[in-house]
């Protein structure tokens, strides 16, 4: 596709649509839009715009289709796969002005929200009404709910409550052609043709730009217990996870952390924690509900399982402050790794009973190629976050050999019945690994869908495939 640059004449047309105050062209001001949280990648857009309405976005896309200008939709820029990077320059559409919670329908347990609302702000707003939106990725305090939709985000509580796919009922979307549609209906059931809502979720801004989101809500749990369970080995911690569910308990979160995670959190984030010798892996387990007697009964069942895997000193967080501190440790791991070392972040998911084999294999592959790894993640649903750190690997091998090791890790993941991303998405950085899991038939179907929605391939090109 021969894309065009944004000329002075086109820039004038863009300003006429959104107003000159909503247009950014200064190189220094463009810098914040040139990167996300994906390592050290940087791609400058030619122009950034901050529209305020679906109608403005519609006109922008009609203009870009006319002149064949690539368009990159962007949320908060917290992504980890390069999905919001303007690889080909062109126009970047920032959704930061779409920041309103439009309606909370307490009668139907629904809400309508714009995509630029920070996820935690939305969660807190519905919680004030006794309602619960349980999709809470680690970056919930800064990420936008629209970005969560684009990447099919999950978070710790997927294990009990499901991913974002279970909570999105309907979407207002501006198609690349400029047409504005609603993808479905504000109903719990939908059996009327192809489900365009589900197609949009996880499409990473390649099929349309979401401008309104209708979410399902549920009653907020009134009580919870948080447990931190130490183990001697990574494998024993991960092996305990599947046994918890086999005992008939479904916790609201089961998070795994290896020792190095907590060491680095203590060192680089200043969080106080008594890390004992011999505690080499941890499970952070939350059980929630509305009946404390039932919760404590389930915790007792979990404790019996943990003892079978050598866990003897389970910490029960008694106060809100203790709970907050433990969750802060878990949510600060990524930032602590980033401060500590040159790193590369990967995200894979396997059936949860296969986690011990995955962890063991990752460590063996790291030894083979000479890199270290820091592993943590949502063990309850088999989703592992892998931070590869340079370790003893020299700079040349880090650049030229690392991807061979990553490829072996993904091949192991697929052999265990998993896939190469659980919630971070494919974006730019994972494209080369997609053929490990998917066939030519998959790629033909995806490209066919893309062509139907975006015949000129202007919307977030160079992403996913």
Protein backbone atom coordinates (compact mmCIF):
# COMPACT_ATOMS: atom_id res chain seq x y z
CA UNK A 1 0.00 0.00 0.00
CA UNK A 2 1.42 3.40 -1.01
CA UNK A 3 0.52 5.68 1.87
CA UNK A 4 0.69 9.46 1.61
CA UNK A 5 2.28 12.02 3.88
CA UNK A 6 0.17 14.68 5.58
CA UNK A 7 0.62 17.85 3.54
CA UNK A 8 -0.10 21.40 4.65
CA UNK A 9 -3.39 21.27 2.77
CA UNK A 10 -4.45 18.02 4.47
CA UNK A 11 -3.36 19.41 7.85
CA UNK A 12 -5.64 22.38 7.27
CA UNK A 13 -8.53 20.01 6.55
CA UNK A 14 -7.78 18.08 9.76
CA UNK A 15 -7.79 21.29 11.79
CA UNK A 16 -11.10 22.27 10.23
CA UNK A 17 -12.64 19.05 11.56
CA UNK A 18 -11.37 19.06 15.17
CA UNK A 19 -10.24 22.66 15.70
CA UNK A 20 -6.65 23.86 15.70
CA UNK A 21 -6.37 23.51 19.49
CA UNK A 22 -6.88 19.74 19.14
CA UNK A 23 -4.02 19.30 16.63
CA UNK A 24 -0.41 18.58 17.66
CA UNK A 25 2.47 18.89 15.20
CA UNK A 26 5.39 20.13 17.30
CA UNK A 27 8.10 17.46 17.49
CA UNK A 28 8.67 17.83 21.22
CA UNK A 29 4.93 17.55 21.91
CA UNK A 30 4.69 14.48 19.68
CA UNK A 31 7.28 12.66 21.78
CA UNK A 32 4.83 11.37 24.41
CA UNK A 33 2.80 9.78 21.60
CA UNK A 34 5.83 8.14 19.97
CA UNK A 35 6.06 5.28 22.48
CA UNK A 36 4.03 3.14 24.83
CA UNK A 37 5.31 0.84 27.60
CA UNK A 38 6.83 -1.63 25.12
CA UNK A 39 10.55 -1.63 25.91
CA UNK A 40 12.35 1.17 24.05
CA UNK A 41 10.41 1.34 20.77
CA UNK A 42 9.75 4.80 19.33
CA UNK A 43 7.78 5.82 16.24
CA UNK A 44 6.68 9.42 15.76
CA UNK A 45 3.31 10.17 14.16
CA UNK A 46 3.25 13.09 11.75
CA UNK A 47 0.23 14.62 13.45
CA UNK A 48 -1.73 13.89 16.65
CA UNK A 49 -5.37 14.90 17.02
CA UNK A 50 -7.58 14.83 20.11
CA UNK A 51 -11.18 14.65 18.87
CA UNK A 52 -14.23 15.01 21.12
CA UNK A 53 -16.95 13.14 19.22
CA UNK A 54 -17.63 10.11 17.07
CA UNK A 55 -18.66 12.47 14.29
CA UNK A 56 -15.23 14.14 14.30
CA UNK A 57 -13.52 10.75 14.14
CA UNK A 58 -15.82 9.78 11.28
CA UNK A 59 -14.78 12.83 9.27
CA UNK A 60 -11.10 12.19 10.03
CA UNK A 61 -11.32 8.60 8.78
CA UNK A 62 -13.17 9.66 5.63
CA UNK A 63 -10.39 12.17 4.97
CA UNK A 64 -7.61 9.64 5.64
CA UNK A 65 -9.29 7.09 3.37
CA UNK A 66 -9.48 9.67 0.63
CA UNK A 67 -5.78 10.52 0.86
CA UNK A 68 -4.51 7.06 1.96
CA UNK A 69 -3.05 8.23 5.27
CA UNK A 70 -2.33 5.59 7.95
CA UNK A 71 -4.25 6.12 11.21
CA UNK A 72 -3.23 4.88 14.66
CA UNK A 73 -5.86 4.88 17.46
CA UNK A 74 -4.37 5.40 20.91
CA UNK A 75 -5.61 5.15 24.47
CA UNK A 76 -3.45 5.85 27.51
CA UNK A 77 -0.26 4.43 26.01
CA UNK A 78 0.17 1.73 28.67
CA UNK A 79 0.26 -1.14 26.16
CA UNK A 80 3.00 -3.76 26.12
CA UNK A 81 2.89 -4.97 22.51
CA UNK A 82 3.44 -1.79 20.50
CA UNK A 83 -0.18 -1.72 19.41
CA UNK A 84 -0.53 2.08 19.70
CA UNK A 85 2.66 2.99 17.83
CA UNK A 86 2.51 4.94 14.57
CA UNK A 87 4.88 2.64 12.71
CA UNK A 88 4.18 4.33 9.36
CA UNK A 89 3.79 7.87 10.65
CA UNK A 90 0.50 9.36 9.54
CA UNK A 91 -2.26 10.49 11.89
CA UNK A 92 -2.55 9.39 15.51
CA UNK A 93 -6.02 9.73 17.02
CA UNK A 94 -5.77 10.07 20.80
CA UNK A 95 -8.92 9.13 22.70
CA UNK A 96 -7.98 11.05 25.85
CA UNK A 97 -10.90 13.50 25.54
CA UNK A 98 -13.46 10.65 25.53
CA UNK A 99 -13.33 10.55 29.32
CA UNK A 100 -16.93 10.53 30.56
CA UNK A 101 -18.98 7.92 32.39
CA UNK A 102 -22.22 8.58 30.54
CA UNK A 103 -24.66 6.47 32.53
CA UNK A 104 -24.84 3.87 35.28
CA UNK A 105 -28.07 1.91 34.94
CA UNK A 106 -28.60 0.38 38.38
CA UNK A 107 -31.90 -1.26 37.37
CA UNK A 108 -30.32 -3.29 34.57
CA UNK A 109 -26.79 -3.54 36.03
CA UNK A 110 -25.22 -1.80 33.05
CA UNK A 111 -23.10 1.27 32.39
CA UNK A 112 -22.27 3.31 29.32
CA UNK A 113 -18.78 4.76 29.32
CA UNK A 114 -16.43 6.48 26.89
CA UNK A 115 -13.18 4.70 25.98
CA UNK A 116 -10.86 7.31 27.52
CA UNK A 117 -12.09 6.72 31.08
CA UNK A 118 -9.37 5.31 33.35
CA UNK A 119 -10.33 1.77 34.31
CA UNK A 120 -9.94 2.27 38.08
CA UNK A 121 -11.96 5.49 37.97
CA UNK A 122 -14.80 3.53 36.38
CA UNK A 123 -14.47 0.68 38.89
CA UNK A 124 -14.60 3.11 41.80
CA UNK A 125 -17.58 4.99 40.38
CA UNK A 126 -19.74 1.88 40.08
CA UNK A 127 -18.49 0.55 43.44
CA UNK A 128 -19.99 3.64 45.09
CA UNK A 129 -23.35 2.29 43.93
CA UNK A 130 -22.66 -1.20 45.28
CA UNK A 131 -21.79 -2.55 41.82
CA UNK A 132 -18.75 -4.34 40.51
CA UNK A 133 -16.76 -4.19 37.30
CA UNK A 134 -14.13 -6.87 37.95
CA UNK A 135 -11.83 -6.36 34.93
CA UNK A 136 -8.76 -4.88 36.62
CA UNK A 137 -5.43 -5.13 34.76
CA UNK A 138 -2.27 -4.23 36.67
CA UNK A 139 -2.24 -0.77 35.06
CA UNK A 140 -5.85 -0.08 36.08
CA UNK A 141 -4.83 3.22 37.68
CA UNK A 142 -3.61 4.60 34.35
CA UNK A 143 -4.95 2.52 31.45
CA UNK A 144 -8.12 3.42 29.55
CA UNK A 145 -11.10 1.09 29.37
CA UNK A 146 -11.04 1.47 25.58
CA UNK A 147 -7.52 0.05 25.48
CA UNK A 148 -8.73 -2.84 27.63
CA UNK A 149 -11.42 -3.54 25.02
CA UNK A 150 -8.92 -3.30 22.18
CA UNK A 151 -6.62 -5.86 23.76
CA UNK A 152 -9.11 -8.19 25.44
CA UNK A 153 -7.66 -7.40 28.86
CA UNK A 154 -8.13 -9.50 31.95
CA UNK A 155 -6.29 -9.08 35.23
CA UNK A 156 -6.21 -11.07 38.48
CA UNK A 157 -9.94 -11.71 38.81
CA UNK A 158 -10.46 -13.39 35.44
CA UNK A 159 -10.22 -16.72 37.20
CA UNK A 160 -13.62 -16.23 38.89
CA UNK A 161 -15.30 -13.46 36.94
CA UNK A 162 -14.04 -13.84 33.38
CA UNK A 163 -12.25 -11.53 30.94
CA UNK A 164 -13.52 -8.28 29.52
CA UNK A 165 -15.32 -10.33 26.85
CA UNK A 166 -17.89 -11.32 29.47
CA UNK A 167 -18.60 -7.68 30.41
CA UNK A 168 -18.95 -5.83 27.10
CA UNK A 169 -22.53 -5.84 25.83
CA UNK A 170 -22.40 -3.30 23.02
CA UNK A 171 -20.01 -0.89 21.34
CA UNK A 172 -20.38 2.26 19.32
CA UNK A 173 -17.68 2.05 16.65
CA UNK A 174 -16.49 4.32 13.88
CA UNK A 175 -15.52 2.12 10.94
CA UNK A 176 -12.55 2.96 8.70
CA UNK A 177 -15.06 4.09 6.06
CA UNK A 178 -16.38 6.71 8.49
CA UNK A 179 -19.66 4.92 9.13
CA UNK A 180 -20.81 4.85 12.76
CA UNK A 181 -22.50 1.69 14.04
CA UNK A 182 -23.55 -0.07 17.23
CA UNK A 183 -22.19 -3.58 17.15
CA UNK A 184 -24.92 -5.39 19.08
CA UNK A 185 -27.56 -4.79 21.74
CA UNK A 186 -27.69 -3.86 25.42
CA UNK A 187 -28.86 -7.34 26.33
CA UNK A 188 -27.34 -10.30 28.14
CA UNK A 189 -28.19 -12.62 25.25
CA UNK A 190 -27.35 -12.02 21.61
CA UNK A 191 -28.20 -14.47 18.83
CA UNK A 192 -28.86 -12.12 15.91
CA UNK A 193 -26.24 -12.67 13.24
CA UNK A 194 -22.49 -12.53 13.61
CA UNK A 195 -21.39 -11.08 16.95
CA UNK A 196 -19.57 -7.92 15.90
CA UNK A 197 -19.09 -6.87 19.51
CA UNK A 198 -16.90 -9.89 20.21
CA UNK A 199 -15.07 -9.38 16.92
CA UNK A 200 -14.10 -5.86 17.97
CA UNK A 201 -12.85 -6.95 21.39
CA UNK A 202 -9.18 -7.82 21.02
CA UNK A 203 -8.93 -6.45 17.47
CA UNK A 204 -6.34 -3.91 18.64
CA UNK A 205 -7.77 -0.95 16.77
CA UNK A 206 -7.43 -2.57 13.35
CA UNK A 207 -11.14 -2.81 12.50
CA UNK A 208 -12.68 0.33 13.97
CA UNK A 209 -12.38 2.99 16.65
CA UNK A 210 -14.59 2.46 19.71
CA UNK A 211 -16.34 5.62 20.92
CA UNK A 212 -18.88 4.26 23.45
CA UNK A 213 -18.87 1.09 25.56
CA UNK A 214 -21.83 -0.57 27.26
CA UNK A 215 -20.66 -2.81 30.09
CA UNK A 216 -22.36 -5.42 32.22
CA UNK A 217 -22.05 -4.95 35.99
CA UNK A 218 -22.59 -7.34 38.89
CA UNK A 219 -23.31 -6.84 42.61
CA UNK A 220 -20.17 -6.01 44.54
CA UNK A 221 -18.88 -8.73 46.89
CA UNK A 222 -19.13 -7.58 50.48
CA UNK A 223 -16.25 -9.53 51.99
CA UNK A 224 -12.92 -11.05 51.02
CA UNK A 225 -9.93 -12.81 52.52
CA UNK A 226 -6.40 -12.50 51.14
CA UNK A 227 -3.76 -15.17 51.72
CA UNK A 228 -0.05 -15.19 50.84
CA UNK A 229 1.35 -18.71 50.59
CA UNK A 230 5.13 -19.33 50.37
CA UNK A 231 6.66 -22.39 48.67
CA UNK A 232 10.11 -23.90 48.35
CA UNK A 233 10.01 -24.11 44.55
CA UNK A 234 8.31 -22.50 41.58
CA UNK A 235 7.00 -25.87 40.44
CA UNK A 236 5.33 -26.69 43.76
CA UNK A 237 3.62 -23.29 43.87
CA UNK A 238 2.28 -23.69 40.34
CA UNK A 239 1.28 -27.33 40.90
CA UNK A 240 -0.87 -26.28 43.88
CA UNK A 241 -3.01 -24.04 41.68
CA UNK A 242 -4.88 -26.75 39.79
CA UNK A 243 -5.40 -28.71 43.03
CA UNK A 244 -7.20 -25.73 44.59
CA UNK A 245 -9.85 -25.88 41.90
CA UNK A 246 -10.03 -29.68 42.07
CA UNK A 247 -10.91 -29.23 45.75
CA UNK A 248 -14.05 -27.42 44.65
CA UNK A 249 -13.00 -23.84 45.38
CA UNK A 250 -12.99 -20.99 42.86
CA UNK A 251 -10.97 -18.11 44.34
CA UNK A 252 -11.42 -14.59 43.01
CA UNK A 253 -7.67 -14.37 42.37
CA UNK A 254 -4.68 -16.72 42.35
CA UNK A 255 -1.50 -14.80 41.57
CA UNK A 256 1.96 -16.36 41.26
CA UNK A 257 5.25 -14.58 42.04
CA UNK A 258 8.73 -16.01 42.15
CA UNK A 259 11.14 -14.84 44.85
CA UNK A 260 13.10 -12.54 42.59
CA UNK A 261 9.94 -10.51 41.95
CA UNK A 262 9.59 -9.65 45.61
CA UNK A 263 13.32 -9.04 46.07
CA UNK A 264 13.24 -6.44 43.32
CA UNK A 265 10.03 -4.86 44.59
CA UNK A 266 11.64 -4.45 48.03
CA UNK A 267 14.84 -3.03 46.52
CA UNK A 268 13.41 -0.68 43.93
CA UNK A 269 9.99 0.28 45.25
CA UNK A 270 10.69 0.64 48.95
CA UNK A 271 7.83 -1.66 49.95
CA UNK A 272 8.44 -3.33 53.32
CA UNK A 273 8.09 -7.12 53.40
CA UNK A 274 9.66 -9.83 55.58
CA UNK A 275 11.14 -12.17 52.96
CA UNK A 276 12.29 -15.36 54.66
CA UNK A 277 15.05 -17.73 53.58
CA UNK A 278 13.75 -20.71 51.65
CA UNK A 279 10.61 -18.95 50.44
CA UNK A 280 11.28 -19.12 46.71
CA UNK A 281 7.80 -18.74 45.22
CA UNK A 282 4.45 -17.36 46.36
CA UNK A 283 0.77 -17.60 45.62
CA UNK A 284 -1.39 -14.60 46.45
CA UNK A 285 -4.90 -16.01 46.86
CA UNK A 286 -8.10 -14.04 47.31
CA UNK A 287 -11.50 -15.50 48.16
CA UNK A 288 -14.50 -13.19 48.03
CA UNK A 289 -18.28 -13.33 48.38
CA UNK A 290 -21.11 -12.21 50.60
CA UNK A 291 -21.02 -14.84 53.37
CA UNK A 292 -17.97 -14.80 55.65
CA UNK A 293 -18.62 -18.31 56.95
CA UNK A 294 -18.54 -19.68 53.38
CA UNK A 295 -15.39 -17.68 52.62
CA UNK A 296 -13.54 -19.01 55.66
CA UNK A 297 -14.67 -22.56 54.87
CA UNK A 298 -13.21 -22.21 51.38
CA UNK A 299 -9.99 -20.78 52.80
CA UNK A 300 -9.66 -23.84 55.01
CA UNK A 301 -10.00 -26.10 51.99
CA UNK A 302 -7.34 -24.07 50.19
CA UNK A 303 -5.05 -24.29 53.20
CA UNK A 304 -5.32 -28.08 53.20
CA UNK A 305 -4.27 -28.13 49.54
CA UNK A 306 -1.35 -25.80 50.18
CA UNK A 307 -0.03 -28.04 52.96
CA UNK A 308 0.14 -30.94 50.48
CA UNK A 309 2.65 -28.91 48.47
CA UNK A 310 4.90 -28.01 51.38
CA UNK A 311 3.38 -24.66 52.29
CA UNK A 312 3.28 -24.32 56.09
CA UNK A 313 3.21 -20.61 56.96
CA UNK A 314 0.31 -18.99 55.17
CA UNK A 315 -0.07 -15.29 55.87
CA UNK A 316 -3.65 -14.11 56.25
CA UNK A 317 -4.00 -10.37 55.65
CA UNK A 318 -6.15 -9.17 58.55
CA UNK A 319 -6.53 -5.50 57.73
CA UNK A 320 -7.27 -3.39 54.69
CA UNK A 321 -3.75 -1.96 54.96
CA UNK A 322 -2.17 -5.43 54.86
CA UNK A 323 -4.28 -6.39 51.88
CA UNK A 324 -3.36 -3.19 50.07
CA UNK A 325 0.35 -3.78 50.75
CA UNK A 326 0.24 -7.32 49.36
CA UNK A 327 -1.60 -6.21 46.25
CA UNK A 328 0.86 -3.35 45.85
CA UNK A 329 3.71 -5.85 45.82
CA UNK A 330 2.02 -7.80 43.04
CA UNK A 331 1.11 -4.74 40.98
CA UNK A 332 4.57 -3.17 41.34
CA UNK A 333 6.57 -6.10 39.98
CA UNK A 334 6.58 -4.92 36.36
CA UNK A 335 7.83 -1.45 37.22
CA UNK A 336 10.50 -2.87 39.55
CA UNK A 337 11.83 -5.11 36.79
CA UNK A 338 11.88 -2.18 34.40
CA UNK A 339 13.97 -0.09 36.81
CA UNK A 340 16.36 -2.95 37.54
CA UNK A 341 17.55 -4.13 34.15
CA UNK A 342 17.40 -4.20 30.39
CA UNK A 343 14.38 -6.39 29.88
CA UNK A 344 11.81 -7.74 27.46
CA UNK A 345 8.27 -8.58 28.55
CA UNK A 346 6.33 -11.55 27.19
CA UNK A 347 2.85 -12.84 27.96
CA UNK A 348 1.64 -16.39 27.39
CA UNK A 349 -1.15 -18.60 28.65
CA UNK A 350 -1.50 -22.37 29.10
CA UNK A 351 -4.08 -24.62 30.77
CA UNK A 352 -3.33 -23.97 34.44
CA UNK A 353 -2.28 -27.56 35.19
CA UNK A 354 0.57 -27.08 32.69
CA UNK A 355 2.11 -24.12 34.55
CA UNK A 356 4.79 -26.19 36.34
CA UNK A 357 6.04 -27.54 33.01
CA UNK A 358 6.01 -24.06 31.49
CA UNK A 359 7.99 -22.52 34.35
CA UNK A 360 10.54 -25.32 34.32
CA UNK A 361 10.95 -25.08 30.56
CA UNK A 362 11.39 -21.30 30.61
CA UNK A 363 14.22 -21.59 33.11
CA UNK A 364 15.91 -24.29 31.03
CA UNK A 365 15.63 -22.22 27.85
CA UNK A 366 17.06 -19.23 29.72
CA UNK A 367 20.06 -21.32 30.81
CA UNK A 368 20.56 -22.46 27.22
CA UNK A 369 20.63 -18.94 25.77
CA UNK A 370 22.16 -17.13 28.74
CA UNK A 371 19.33 -14.86 29.83
CA UNK A 372 17.63 -14.59 33.21
CA UNK A 373 13.90 -14.43 33.76
CA UNK A 374 11.49 -13.08 36.34
CA UNK A 375 8.14 -14.86 36.23
CA UNK A 376 4.81 -13.89 37.73
CA UNK A 377 1.23 -13.80 36.61
CA UNK A 378 -2.36 -14.88 36.88
CA UNK A 379 -1.80 -18.49 37.83
CA UNK A 380 -5.50 -19.13 38.36
CA UNK A 381 -6.15 -18.88 34.63
CA UNK A 382 -2.75 -20.11 33.43
CA UNK A 383 -1.57 -16.67 32.28
CA UNK A 384 2.15 -16.16 32.89
CA UNK A 385 3.95 -12.83 32.55
CA UNK A 386 7.58 -13.39 31.69
CA UNK A 387 10.16 -10.64 32.09
CA UNK A 388 13.36 -11.64 30.31
CA UNK A 389 16.36 -9.78 31.72
CA UNK A 390 19.73 -9.60 30.07
CA UNK A 391 21.65 -11.40 32.83
CA UNK A 392 24.95 -12.76 31.51
CA UNK A 393 23.85 -12.48 27.89
CA UNK A 394 26.18 -10.13 26.00
CA UNK A 395 24.82 -7.17 24.06
CA UNK A 396 25.31 -8.82 20.67
CA UNK A 397 23.43 -11.97 21.66
CA UNK A 398 20.70 -9.88 23.28
CA UNK A 399 20.06 -8.23 19.93
CA UNK A 400 20.66 -11.19 17.62
CA UNK A 401 19.93 -14.37 19.59
CA UNK A 402 17.23 -13.48 22.10
CA UNK A 403 14.33 -13.97 19.70
CA UNK A 404 15.47 -17.56 19.12
CA UNK A 405 15.02 -18.20 22.82
CA UNK A 406 11.64 -16.46 22.84
CA UNK A 407 10.58 -18.59 19.89
CA UNK A 408 11.47 -21.75 21.84
CA UNK A 409 9.44 -20.48 24.81
CA UNK A 410 6.41 -19.92 22.59
CA UNK A 411 6.87 -23.31 20.93
CA UNK A 412 6.85 -24.86 24.42
CA UNK A 413 3.76 -22.85 25.31
CA UNK A 414 1.88 -24.07 22.24
CA UNK A 415 3.00 -27.67 22.82
CA UNK A 416 1.40 -27.44 26.28
CA UNK A 417 -1.92 -26.41 24.75
CA UNK A 418 -1.44 -22.67 25.18
CA UNK A 419 -1.06 -19.57 23.05
CA UNK A 420 1.31 -16.65 22.80
CA UNK A 421 -0.69 -13.89 24.45
CA UNK A 422 -3.22 -14.01 27.24
CA UNK A 423 -4.00 -10.30 27.54
CA UNK A 424 -1.22 -8.05 26.23
CA UNK A 425 -2.12 -8.56 22.59
CA UNK A 426 0.01 -9.10 19.49
CA UNK A 427 0.49 -5.57 18.22
CA UNK A 428 3.86 -5.00 16.60
CA UNK A 429 6.30 -7.04 18.66
CA UNK A 430 4.62 -10.46 18.63
CA UNK A 431 3.69 -10.64 14.94
CA UNK A 432 6.65 -12.78 13.95
CA UNK A 433 5.65 -15.51 16.41
CA UNK A 434 2.05 -15.89 15.29
CA UNK A 435 2.81 -18.73 12.80
CA UNK A 436 3.94 -20.88 15.74
CA UNK A 437 0.30 -21.22 16.73
CA UNK A 438 -1.75 -20.29 13.66
CA UNK A 439 -1.97 -21.66 10.14
CA UNK A 440 -2.27 -20.11 6.69
CA UNK A 441 -6.02 -20.66 6.97
CA UNK A 442 -6.17 -18.44 10.06
CA UNK A 443 -4.17 -15.70 8.38
CA UNK A 444 -6.36 -15.83 5.27
CA UNK A 445 -9.50 -15.48 7.39
CA UNK A 446 -8.08 -12.59 9.40
CA UNK A 447 -6.88 -10.76 6.32
CA UNK A 448 -10.27 -11.29 4.69
CA UNK A 449 -12.02 -9.77 7.70
CA UNK A 450 -9.58 -6.85 7.68
CA UNK A 451 -10.26 -6.25 3.98
CA UNK A 452 -14.03 -6.14 4.51
CA UNK A 453 -13.73 -3.55 7.29
CA UNK A 454 -10.75 -1.58 5.98
CA UNK A 455 -10.28 -1.99 2.24
CA UNK A 456 -7.47 0.57 2.08
CA UNK A 457 -5.71 -0.78 5.19
CA UNK A 458 -5.43 2.65 6.79
CA UNK A 459 -6.37 1.67 10.35
CA UNK A 460 -3.45 0.62 12.57
CA UNK A 461 -1.48 -1.03 9.75
CA UNK A 462 1.46 -3.36 10.44
CA UNK A 463 -0.19 -4.77 13.57
CA UNK A 464 -1.11 -8.41 14.44
CA UNK A 465 -0.10 -9.85 11.00
